[in-house]
N, C-alpha and C. Protein backbone atom coordinates (compact mmCIF):
# COMPACT_ATOMS: atom_id res chain seq x y z
N MET A 1 94.76 65.55 -114.00
CA MET A 1 93.80 66.59 -114.15
C MET A 1 93.48 66.45 -115.76
N THR A 2 92.23 66.47 -116.06
CA THR A 2 91.84 66.47 -117.61
C THR A 2 91.08 67.81 -117.87
N ASN A 3 91.36 68.23 -119.13
CA ASN A 3 90.71 69.49 -119.54
C ASN A 3 89.49 69.26 -120.49
N GLN A 4 88.77 68.17 -120.34
CA GLN A 4 87.70 67.97 -121.16
C GLN A 4 86.46 68.74 -120.81
N THR A 5 85.43 68.68 -121.62
CA THR A 5 84.26 69.42 -121.32
C THR A 5 83.51 68.65 -120.21
N ALA A 6 83.15 69.24 -119.10
CA ALA A 6 82.49 68.51 -117.96
C ALA A 6 81.10 68.46 -118.23
N LYS A 7 80.51 67.28 -118.02
CA LYS A 7 79.02 66.96 -118.10
C LYS A 7 78.60 67.09 -116.70
N ILE A 8 77.53 68.02 -116.54
CA ILE A 8 76.86 68.24 -115.19
C ILE A 8 75.40 67.93 -115.32
N GLY A 9 75.02 66.92 -114.55
CA GLY A 9 73.52 66.53 -114.54
C GLY A 9 72.76 67.59 -113.58
N ILE A 10 71.55 68.10 -114.06
CA ILE A 10 70.67 68.88 -113.27
C ILE A 10 69.34 68.22 -113.35
N VAL A 11 68.89 67.76 -112.13
CA VAL A 11 67.63 67.06 -112.03
C VAL A 11 66.75 67.72 -111.11
N THR A 12 65.54 68.21 -111.65
CA THR A 12 64.44 68.72 -110.91
C THR A 12 63.41 67.58 -110.62
N VAL A 13 63.08 67.41 -109.35
CA VAL A 13 62.25 66.37 -108.89
C VAL A 13 60.99 67.26 -108.46
N SER A 14 59.79 67.06 -109.07
CA SER A 14 58.67 67.71 -108.77
C SER A 14 57.37 66.95 -109.28
N ASP A 15 56.34 66.93 -108.48
CA ASP A 15 55.12 66.28 -108.96
C ASP A 15 54.53 67.09 -110.16
N ARG A 16 54.89 68.45 -110.08
CA ARG A 16 54.27 69.31 -111.12
C ARG A 16 54.90 68.91 -112.52
N ALA A 17 55.99 68.19 -112.56
CA ALA A 17 56.76 67.86 -113.83
C ALA A 17 55.69 66.95 -114.59
N SER A 18 54.89 66.19 -114.17
CA SER A 18 53.98 65.46 -114.96
C SER A 18 52.66 66.05 -115.13
N ALA A 19 52.39 67.27 -114.62
CA ALA A 19 51.16 68.02 -114.77
C ALA A 19 50.98 68.87 -115.99
N GLY A 20 52.02 68.68 -116.96
CA GLY A 20 51.85 69.51 -118.01
C GLY A 20 52.78 70.64 -118.03
N VAL A 21 52.17 71.95 -118.32
CA VAL A 21 53.19 73.15 -118.42
C VAL A 21 53.60 73.41 -116.94
N TYR A 22 54.91 73.60 -116.90
CA TYR A 22 55.53 73.82 -115.69
C TYR A 22 56.77 74.65 -115.84
N GLU A 23 57.02 75.81 -115.28
CA GLU A 23 58.21 76.55 -115.45
C GLU A 23 59.11 76.13 -114.31
N ASP A 24 60.18 75.48 -114.62
CA ASP A 24 61.23 74.95 -113.60
C ASP A 24 62.10 76.07 -113.29
N LEU A 25 61.83 76.77 -112.17
CA LEU A 25 62.62 77.92 -111.72
C LEU A 25 63.75 77.33 -110.97
N SER A 26 63.64 76.23 -110.38
CA SER A 26 64.82 75.53 -109.48
C SER A 26 65.82 74.97 -110.38
N GLY A 27 65.54 74.34 -111.55
CA GLY A 27 66.51 73.87 -112.33
C GLY A 27 67.32 75.08 -113.04
N LYS A 28 66.45 76.07 -113.46
CA LYS A 28 67.07 77.27 -113.99
C LYS A 28 68.05 77.98 -113.06
N ALA A 29 67.73 77.94 -111.67
CA ALA A 29 68.67 78.53 -110.75
C ALA A 29 69.88 77.84 -110.71
N ILE A 30 69.84 76.52 -110.76
CA ILE A 30 71.15 75.66 -110.71
C ILE A 30 71.96 76.01 -111.95
N ILE A 31 71.36 75.99 -113.12
CA ILE A 31 72.16 76.26 -114.37
C ILE A 31 72.62 77.75 -114.24
N ASP A 32 71.88 78.72 -113.78
CA ASP A 32 72.34 80.09 -113.83
C ASP A 32 73.62 80.21 -112.77
N THR A 33 73.43 79.44 -111.63
CA THR A 33 74.51 79.62 -110.65
C THR A 33 75.84 78.97 -111.17
N LEU A 34 75.59 77.75 -111.84
CA LEU A 34 76.82 77.16 -112.37
C LEU A 34 77.45 78.02 -113.53
N LYS A 35 76.58 78.66 -114.28
CA LYS A 35 77.09 79.70 -115.34
C LYS A 35 77.95 80.70 -114.66
N ASP A 36 77.52 81.22 -113.51
CA ASP A 36 78.28 82.27 -112.76
C ASP A 36 79.55 81.66 -112.18
N TYR A 37 79.50 80.50 -111.74
CA TYR A 37 80.70 79.89 -111.01
C TYR A 37 81.78 79.46 -112.02
N LEU A 38 81.42 78.88 -113.06
CA LEU A 38 82.40 78.03 -113.95
C LEU A 38 82.84 78.88 -115.14
N THR A 39 84.10 78.80 -115.38
CA THR A 39 84.79 79.56 -116.54
C THR A 39 85.20 78.38 -117.44
N SER A 40 85.46 77.20 -117.02
CA SER A 40 85.80 76.07 -117.80
C SER A 40 84.60 75.52 -118.58
N ASP A 41 84.85 74.80 -119.69
CA ASP A 41 83.76 74.31 -120.49
C ASP A 41 82.92 73.32 -119.81
N TRP A 42 81.59 73.38 -119.78
CA TRP A 42 80.71 72.50 -119.24
C TRP A 42 79.39 72.30 -120.02
N GLN A 43 78.80 71.17 -119.91
CA GLN A 43 77.55 70.93 -120.72
C GLN A 43 76.38 70.32 -119.76
N PRO A 44 75.29 71.06 -119.57
CA PRO A 44 74.26 70.58 -118.62
C PRO A 44 73.63 69.40 -119.26
N GLU A 45 73.25 68.37 -118.51
CA GLU A 45 72.36 67.35 -118.85
C GLU A 45 71.18 67.48 -117.99
N TYR A 46 70.10 68.07 -118.51
CA TYR A 46 69.07 68.49 -117.71
C TYR A 46 67.87 67.47 -117.77
N ARG A 47 67.18 67.18 -116.62
CA ARG A 47 66.09 66.35 -116.46
C ARG A 47 65.07 66.93 -115.54
N LEU A 48 63.77 66.90 -115.97
CA LEU A 48 62.60 67.29 -115.11
C LEU A 48 61.77 65.92 -114.94
N ILE A 49 61.67 65.47 -113.69
CA ILE A 49 61.06 64.28 -113.38
C ILE A 49 60.10 64.23 -112.18
N PRO A 50 59.03 63.41 -112.15
CA PRO A 50 58.22 63.48 -110.96
C PRO A 50 58.83 62.71 -109.76
N ASP A 51 58.24 62.95 -108.58
CA ASP A 51 58.69 62.38 -107.36
C ASP A 51 58.31 60.97 -107.27
N GLU A 52 59.09 60.16 -107.97
CA GLU A 52 58.90 58.70 -107.94
C GLU A 52 60.34 58.01 -107.80
N GLN A 53 60.44 57.39 -106.58
CA GLN A 53 61.83 56.99 -106.40
C GLN A 53 62.28 56.08 -107.38
N PRO A 54 61.76 55.14 -108.00
CA PRO A 54 62.49 54.28 -109.05
C PRO A 54 62.81 55.17 -110.16
N LEU A 55 62.14 56.16 -110.47
CA LEU A 55 62.46 57.07 -111.66
C LEU A 55 63.77 57.94 -111.33
N ILE A 56 63.70 58.49 -110.06
CA ILE A 56 64.80 59.16 -109.51
C ILE A 56 66.20 58.36 -109.61
N GLU A 57 66.02 57.15 -109.09
CA GLU A 57 67.22 56.35 -109.12
C GLU A 57 67.62 56.06 -110.65
N GLN A 58 66.71 55.76 -111.40
CA GLN A 58 67.04 55.47 -112.86
C GLN A 58 67.73 56.74 -113.45
N THR A 59 67.24 57.84 -113.16
CA THR A 59 67.79 59.06 -113.77
C THR A 59 69.22 59.25 -113.20
N LEU A 60 69.46 59.14 -111.95
CA LEU A 60 70.77 59.29 -111.27
C LEU A 60 71.74 58.25 -111.87
N ARG A 61 71.32 57.05 -112.10
CA ARG A 61 72.22 56.06 -112.69
C ARG A 61 72.49 56.45 -114.06
N GLU A 62 71.60 56.75 -114.83
CA GLU A 62 71.77 57.08 -116.19
C GLU A 62 72.69 58.24 -116.46
N LEU A 63 72.58 59.38 -115.61
CA LEU A 63 73.45 60.50 -115.74
C LEU A 63 74.91 60.13 -115.29
N ALA A 64 74.94 59.27 -114.22
CA ALA A 64 76.36 58.93 -113.79
C ALA A 64 76.98 57.88 -114.70
N ASP A 65 76.38 56.86 -114.95
CA ASP A 65 76.81 55.65 -115.65
C ASP A 65 76.92 55.92 -117.15
N GLU A 66 75.89 56.40 -117.73
CA GLU A 66 75.76 56.37 -119.23
C GLU A 66 76.17 57.72 -119.79
N GLN A 67 75.82 58.83 -119.15
CA GLN A 67 76.11 60.25 -119.61
C GLN A 67 77.52 60.67 -119.14
N GLY A 68 78.06 60.05 -118.04
CA GLY A 68 79.33 60.31 -117.57
C GLY A 68 79.50 61.70 -116.79
N CYS A 69 78.36 62.12 -116.19
CA CYS A 69 78.37 63.37 -115.50
C CYS A 69 79.31 63.40 -114.25
N CYS A 70 80.15 64.27 -114.15
CA CYS A 70 81.14 64.27 -112.98
C CYS A 70 80.43 64.78 -111.72
N LEU A 71 79.42 65.65 -111.97
CA LEU A 71 78.51 66.23 -110.98
C LEU A 71 77.09 66.19 -111.43
N ILE A 72 76.26 65.79 -110.36
CA ILE A 72 74.88 65.72 -110.61
C ILE A 72 74.24 66.42 -109.40
N VAL A 73 73.43 67.54 -109.85
CA VAL A 73 72.83 68.30 -108.69
C VAL A 73 71.34 68.22 -108.89
N THR A 74 70.65 67.68 -107.77
CA THR A 74 69.24 67.57 -107.83
C THR A 74 68.64 68.75 -107.00
N THR A 75 67.37 68.98 -107.31
CA THR A 75 66.53 69.96 -106.48
C THR A 75 65.17 69.40 -106.38
N GLY A 76 64.64 69.67 -105.13
CA GLY A 76 63.34 69.07 -104.85
C GLY A 76 63.31 67.67 -104.17
N GLY A 77 62.21 67.49 -103.43
CA GLY A 77 62.03 66.22 -102.95
C GLY A 77 62.82 65.84 -101.59
N THR A 78 63.25 66.93 -100.94
CA THR A 78 64.15 66.74 -99.78
C THR A 78 63.56 67.08 -98.44
N GLY A 79 62.37 67.37 -98.42
CA GLY A 79 61.54 67.77 -97.31
C GLY A 79 60.91 66.45 -96.48
N PRO A 80 60.11 66.70 -95.59
CA PRO A 80 59.44 65.69 -94.77
C PRO A 80 58.22 65.04 -95.35
N ALA A 81 57.64 65.68 -96.48
CA ALA A 81 56.42 65.16 -97.05
C ALA A 81 56.57 63.70 -97.50
N LYS A 82 55.45 62.95 -97.42
CA LYS A 82 55.58 61.51 -97.87
C LYS A 82 56.10 61.33 -99.27
N ARG A 83 55.88 62.29 -100.27
CA ARG A 83 56.33 62.21 -101.53
C ARG A 83 57.74 62.58 -101.76
N ASP A 84 58.42 63.09 -100.76
CA ASP A 84 59.77 63.56 -100.81
C ASP A 84 60.78 62.35 -100.67
N VAL A 85 61.24 61.92 -101.67
CA VAL A 85 62.02 60.71 -101.67
C VAL A 85 63.32 60.78 -102.43
N THR A 86 63.85 62.02 -102.70
CA THR A 86 65.11 62.19 -103.41
C THR A 86 66.20 61.69 -102.51
N PRO A 87 66.34 61.98 -101.15
CA PRO A 87 67.39 61.44 -100.46
C PRO A 87 67.49 59.83 -100.51
N GLU A 88 66.31 59.28 -100.38
CA GLU A 88 66.27 57.86 -100.27
C GLU A 88 66.80 57.28 -101.65
N ALA A 89 66.38 57.91 -102.83
CA ALA A 89 66.94 57.49 -104.06
C ALA A 89 68.39 57.71 -104.30
N THR A 90 68.91 58.83 -103.71
CA THR A 90 70.26 59.13 -103.83
C THR A 90 71.14 58.19 -103.02
N GLU A 91 70.64 57.89 -101.85
CA GLU A 91 71.38 56.83 -101.07
C GLU A 91 71.44 55.54 -101.63
N ALA A 92 70.29 55.15 -102.38
CA ALA A 92 70.14 53.78 -102.91
C ALA A 92 71.09 53.68 -104.08
N VAL A 93 71.52 54.76 -104.81
CA VAL A 93 72.38 54.55 -106.00
C VAL A 93 73.83 54.91 -105.66
N CYS A 94 74.18 55.45 -104.46
CA CYS A 94 75.52 55.88 -104.20
C CYS A 94 76.33 54.75 -103.59
N ASP A 95 77.59 54.59 -103.95
CA ASP A 95 78.61 53.77 -103.36
C ASP A 95 79.04 54.18 -101.99
N ARG A 96 79.16 55.48 -101.85
CA ARG A 96 79.59 56.11 -100.48
C ARG A 96 78.83 57.55 -100.36
N MET A 97 78.50 57.68 -99.05
CA MET A 97 77.86 59.00 -98.77
C MET A 97 78.95 60.09 -98.30
N MET A 98 78.61 61.27 -98.56
CA MET A 98 79.47 62.40 -98.26
C MET A 98 78.60 63.42 -97.26
N PRO A 99 78.52 62.99 -96.03
CA PRO A 99 77.69 63.85 -95.19
C PRO A 99 78.01 65.19 -94.84
N GLY A 100 79.27 65.55 -95.10
CA GLY A 100 79.70 66.92 -94.82
C GLY A 100 78.98 67.90 -95.69
N PHE A 101 78.53 67.56 -96.89
CA PHE A 101 77.87 68.50 -97.78
C PHE A 101 76.54 68.76 -97.18
N ALA A 102 75.69 67.79 -96.67
CA ALA A 102 74.47 68.05 -96.24
C ALA A 102 74.55 68.87 -94.92
N GLU A 103 75.47 68.52 -94.05
CA GLU A 103 75.67 69.26 -92.79
C GLU A 103 75.98 70.81 -93.12
N LEU A 104 76.77 71.01 -93.98
CA LEU A 104 77.12 72.43 -94.37
C LEU A 104 75.93 73.22 -94.88
N MET A 105 75.13 72.49 -95.85
CA MET A 105 74.01 73.13 -96.37
C MET A 105 73.08 73.55 -95.38
N ARG A 106 72.65 72.48 -94.50
CA ARG A 106 71.81 72.86 -93.34
C ARG A 106 72.23 74.01 -92.61
N THR A 107 73.45 73.95 -92.13
CA THR A 107 74.06 74.99 -91.29
C THR A 107 73.89 76.39 -92.00
N GLU A 108 74.24 76.45 -93.31
CA GLU A 108 74.11 77.68 -93.98
C GLU A 108 72.60 78.14 -94.10
N SER A 109 71.74 77.10 -94.43
CA SER A 109 70.28 77.48 -94.54
C SER A 109 69.61 78.00 -93.21
N LEU A 110 70.22 77.49 -92.11
CA LEU A 110 69.72 77.94 -90.82
C LEU A 110 69.93 79.46 -90.50
N LYS A 111 70.91 79.96 -91.25
CA LYS A 111 71.04 81.40 -91.10
C LYS A 111 70.00 82.26 -91.65
N TYR A 112 69.16 81.64 -92.48
CA TYR A 112 68.06 82.37 -93.17
C TYR A 112 66.64 81.84 -92.69
N VAL A 113 66.41 80.54 -92.53
CA VAL A 113 65.15 80.06 -92.08
C VAL A 113 65.21 78.99 -90.94
N PRO A 114 64.39 79.09 -89.93
CA PRO A 114 64.46 77.97 -88.96
C PRO A 114 64.03 76.65 -89.48
N THR A 115 63.30 76.59 -90.51
CA THR A 115 62.79 75.34 -91.01
C THR A 115 63.81 74.56 -91.77
N ALA A 116 65.17 75.02 -91.85
CA ALA A 116 66.21 74.36 -92.59
C ALA A 116 66.36 72.97 -91.90
N ILE A 117 66.03 72.88 -90.60
CA ILE A 117 66.23 71.47 -89.95
C ILE A 117 65.29 70.38 -90.56
N LEU A 118 64.25 70.85 -91.35
CA LEU A 118 63.41 69.90 -91.90
C LEU A 118 64.02 69.33 -93.28
N SER A 119 65.12 70.01 -93.74
CA SER A 119 65.60 69.47 -94.88
C SER A 119 66.37 68.18 -94.76
N ARG A 120 66.22 67.28 -95.73
CA ARG A 120 66.92 66.02 -95.62
C ARG A 120 67.84 65.87 -96.81
N GLN A 121 68.32 66.89 -97.39
CA GLN A 121 69.28 66.72 -98.52
C GLN A 121 70.38 66.05 -98.10
N THR A 122 71.12 65.43 -99.09
CA THR A 122 72.24 64.55 -98.89
C THR A 122 73.16 64.62 -99.99
N ALA A 123 74.34 63.98 -99.97
CA ALA A 123 75.32 63.87 -101.05
C ALA A 123 75.99 62.58 -101.03
N GLY A 124 76.49 62.19 -102.12
CA GLY A 124 77.16 60.90 -102.20
C GLY A 124 77.85 60.75 -103.55
N LEU A 125 78.66 59.62 -103.55
CA LEU A 125 79.41 59.35 -104.82
C LEU A 125 78.97 57.99 -105.38
N ARG A 126 78.73 58.04 -106.73
CA ARG A 126 78.56 56.93 -107.51
C ARG A 126 79.58 56.90 -108.64
N GLY A 127 80.39 55.87 -108.41
CA GLY A 127 81.46 55.73 -109.52
C GLY A 127 82.29 57.03 -109.57
N CYS A 128 82.31 57.80 -110.71
CA CYS A 128 83.15 58.98 -110.75
C CYS A 128 82.25 60.23 -110.71
N SER A 129 81.04 60.02 -110.16
CA SER A 129 80.05 61.12 -110.05
C SER A 129 79.73 61.61 -108.60
N LEU A 130 79.79 62.91 -108.37
CA LEU A 130 79.39 63.46 -107.08
C LEU A 130 77.89 63.87 -107.21
N ILE A 131 77.14 63.36 -106.36
CA ILE A 131 75.67 63.73 -106.47
C ILE A 131 75.29 64.59 -105.21
N ILE A 132 74.69 65.66 -105.37
CA ILE A 132 74.34 66.65 -104.37
C ILE A 132 72.79 66.99 -104.45
N ASN A 133 72.16 66.75 -103.37
CA ASN A 133 70.67 67.13 -103.23
C ASN A 133 70.57 68.50 -102.74
N LEU A 134 69.89 69.34 -103.42
CA LEU A 134 69.56 70.84 -102.93
C LEU A 134 68.04 70.92 -102.62
N PRO A 135 67.85 71.99 -101.87
CA PRO A 135 66.32 72.22 -101.50
C PRO A 135 65.60 72.70 -102.94
N GLY A 136 64.36 72.95 -102.83
CA GLY A 136 63.70 73.23 -104.02
C GLY A 136 63.49 74.64 -104.36
N LYS A 137 63.77 75.67 -103.41
CA LYS A 137 63.53 77.00 -103.56
C LYS A 137 64.83 77.66 -104.26
N PRO A 138 64.62 78.38 -105.21
CA PRO A 138 65.82 79.02 -106.09
C PRO A 138 66.76 79.79 -105.14
N LYS A 139 66.23 80.59 -104.14
CA LYS A 139 67.11 81.27 -103.34
C LYS A 139 67.94 80.43 -102.46
N ALA A 140 67.28 79.32 -101.98
CA ALA A 140 68.01 78.43 -101.09
C ALA A 140 68.96 77.68 -101.87
N ILE A 141 68.78 77.38 -103.17
CA ILE A 141 69.75 76.65 -103.98
C ILE A 141 71.01 77.45 -104.10
N ARG A 142 70.89 78.73 -104.38
CA ARG A 142 72.14 79.54 -104.44
C ARG A 142 72.74 79.60 -103.08
N GLN A 143 72.16 79.78 -102.00
CA GLN A 143 72.69 79.80 -100.63
C GLN A 143 73.58 78.62 -100.34
N CYS A 144 72.90 77.40 -100.63
CA CYS A 144 73.54 76.08 -100.45
C CYS A 144 74.71 75.81 -101.33
N LEU A 145 74.57 76.18 -102.61
CA LEU A 145 75.73 76.04 -103.54
C LEU A 145 76.84 76.93 -103.17
N ASP A 146 76.53 78.13 -102.76
CA ASP A 146 77.65 79.09 -102.40
C ASP A 146 78.40 78.54 -101.21
N ALA A 147 77.76 77.85 -100.25
CA ALA A 147 78.38 77.25 -99.17
C ALA A 147 79.38 75.97 -99.49
N VAL A 148 78.88 75.05 -100.36
CA VAL A 148 79.55 73.87 -100.66
C VAL A 148 80.41 73.87 -101.93
N PHE A 149 80.14 74.73 -102.82
CA PHE A 149 80.76 74.57 -104.13
C PHE A 149 82.32 74.80 -104.08
N PRO A 150 82.97 75.51 -103.15
CA PRO A 150 84.32 75.67 -103.12
C PRO A 150 85.01 74.30 -102.87
N ALA A 151 84.38 73.30 -102.40
CA ALA A 151 84.96 71.92 -102.27
C ALA A 151 84.60 70.99 -103.38
N VAL A 152 83.80 71.38 -104.29
CA VAL A 152 83.24 70.49 -105.36
C VAL A 152 84.41 70.12 -106.49
N PRO A 153 85.02 71.25 -106.98
CA PRO A 153 86.15 70.98 -107.94
C PRO A 153 87.18 70.03 -107.40
N TYR A 154 87.61 70.22 -106.19
CA TYR A 154 88.74 69.37 -105.66
C TYR A 154 88.15 67.93 -105.46
N CYS A 155 86.92 67.78 -105.02
CA CYS A 155 86.36 66.45 -104.86
C CYS A 155 86.34 65.78 -106.24
N ILE A 156 85.97 66.53 -107.28
CA ILE A 156 86.08 65.86 -108.64
C ILE A 156 87.45 65.57 -109.12
N ASP A 157 88.43 66.53 -108.80
CA ASP A 157 89.81 66.14 -109.11
C ASP A 157 90.18 64.82 -108.44
N LEU A 158 89.79 64.58 -107.22
CA LEU A 158 90.15 63.39 -106.56
C LEU A 158 89.56 62.17 -107.16
N MET A 159 88.48 62.37 -107.89
CA MET A 159 87.86 61.20 -108.55
C MET A 159 88.30 61.11 -110.12
N ASP A 160 89.43 61.89 -110.49
CA ASP A 160 89.94 61.88 -111.69
C ASP A 160 88.98 62.39 -112.76
N GLY A 161 88.16 63.37 -112.28
CA GLY A 161 87.10 63.95 -113.22
C GLY A 161 87.83 65.20 -113.94
N PRO A 162 87.03 65.93 -114.85
CA PRO A 162 87.39 67.06 -115.60
C PRO A 162 87.82 68.22 -114.55
N TYR A 163 88.86 68.97 -114.96
CA TYR A 163 89.21 70.05 -114.17
C TYR A 163 88.10 71.26 -114.26
N LEU A 164 87.58 71.56 -113.11
CA LEU A 164 86.59 72.65 -113.14
C LEU A 164 87.34 73.91 -112.60
N GLN A 165 87.24 74.85 -113.49
CA GLN A 165 87.84 76.20 -113.22
C GLN A 165 86.78 77.21 -112.83
N CYS A 166 86.95 77.87 -111.78
CA CYS A 166 85.91 78.78 -111.25
C CYS A 166 86.12 80.25 -111.52
N ASN A 167 85.17 81.06 -111.69
CA ASN A 167 85.35 82.47 -111.80
C ASN A 167 85.60 83.01 -110.44
N GLU A 168 86.90 83.40 -110.15
CA GLU A 168 87.37 83.75 -108.83
C GLU A 168 86.69 84.99 -108.26
N ALA A 169 86.06 85.81 -109.15
CA ALA A 169 85.36 87.04 -108.74
C ALA A 169 84.06 86.58 -108.11
N VAL A 170 83.59 85.39 -108.44
CA VAL A 170 82.24 84.88 -107.91
C VAL A 170 82.34 83.90 -106.76
N ILE A 171 83.29 82.95 -107.09
CA ILE A 171 83.49 81.77 -105.99
C ILE A 171 84.83 81.21 -106.18
N THR A 172 85.52 80.95 -104.97
CA THR A 172 86.83 80.44 -105.15
C THR A 172 86.82 78.95 -104.71
N ALA A 173 87.32 78.09 -105.66
CA ALA A 173 87.48 76.75 -105.46
C ALA A 173 88.68 76.48 -104.54
N PHE A 174 88.58 75.58 -103.53
CA PHE A 174 89.66 75.22 -102.61
C PHE A 174 90.42 74.04 -103.16
N ARG A 175 91.70 74.18 -103.50
CA ARG A 175 92.51 73.19 -103.85
C ARG A 175 93.80 73.23 -103.07
N PRO A 176 94.19 72.17 -102.34
CA PRO A 176 95.43 72.33 -101.65
C PRO A 176 96.66 72.69 -102.53
N LYS A 177 97.59 73.28 -101.99
CA LYS A 177 98.69 73.90 -102.88
C LYS A 177 99.55 72.80 -103.66
N ASN A 178 99.47 71.54 -103.02
CA ASN A 178 100.30 70.52 -103.67
C ASN A 178 99.41 69.72 -104.54
N SER A 179 98.07 70.00 -104.84
CA SER A 179 97.32 69.24 -105.62
C SER A 179 97.46 69.40 -107.11
């Protein structure tokens, strides 16, 4: 376990990113949620990019390989529209996929909207980085992160990443007693 400052990538994928003035409520929702969850030191590496698969792949590689982010959370581009290619970009750069994250996020989202079955978010590992795709709506972001985040710190522990300490009043990270 290391006590270094964790770098966490936050990537908003949106066609509106290249349209000029755009208030990124989804990226802000991720940052605000992580601020609520984490008491350990962390630094956001924020990116706002358009729905272009090569650019998404390049951004994920840069955050994982060059910036050393232990966690990369994306928002947007996970639906069935032709321009929604975030899951394909994530799968293209990952060494191994982590299907349990997507399964749990969809299960959680189905409690709120029947259209959760249209979501194609995924999760995977690239080197020492966990990449998680979230939906684009701020409310859904919090719902999905509330469901999966208890497993995130231990996953990062298993990859020899920085130790993520959570605010137990907000969310409890699960770590086996002997870890």
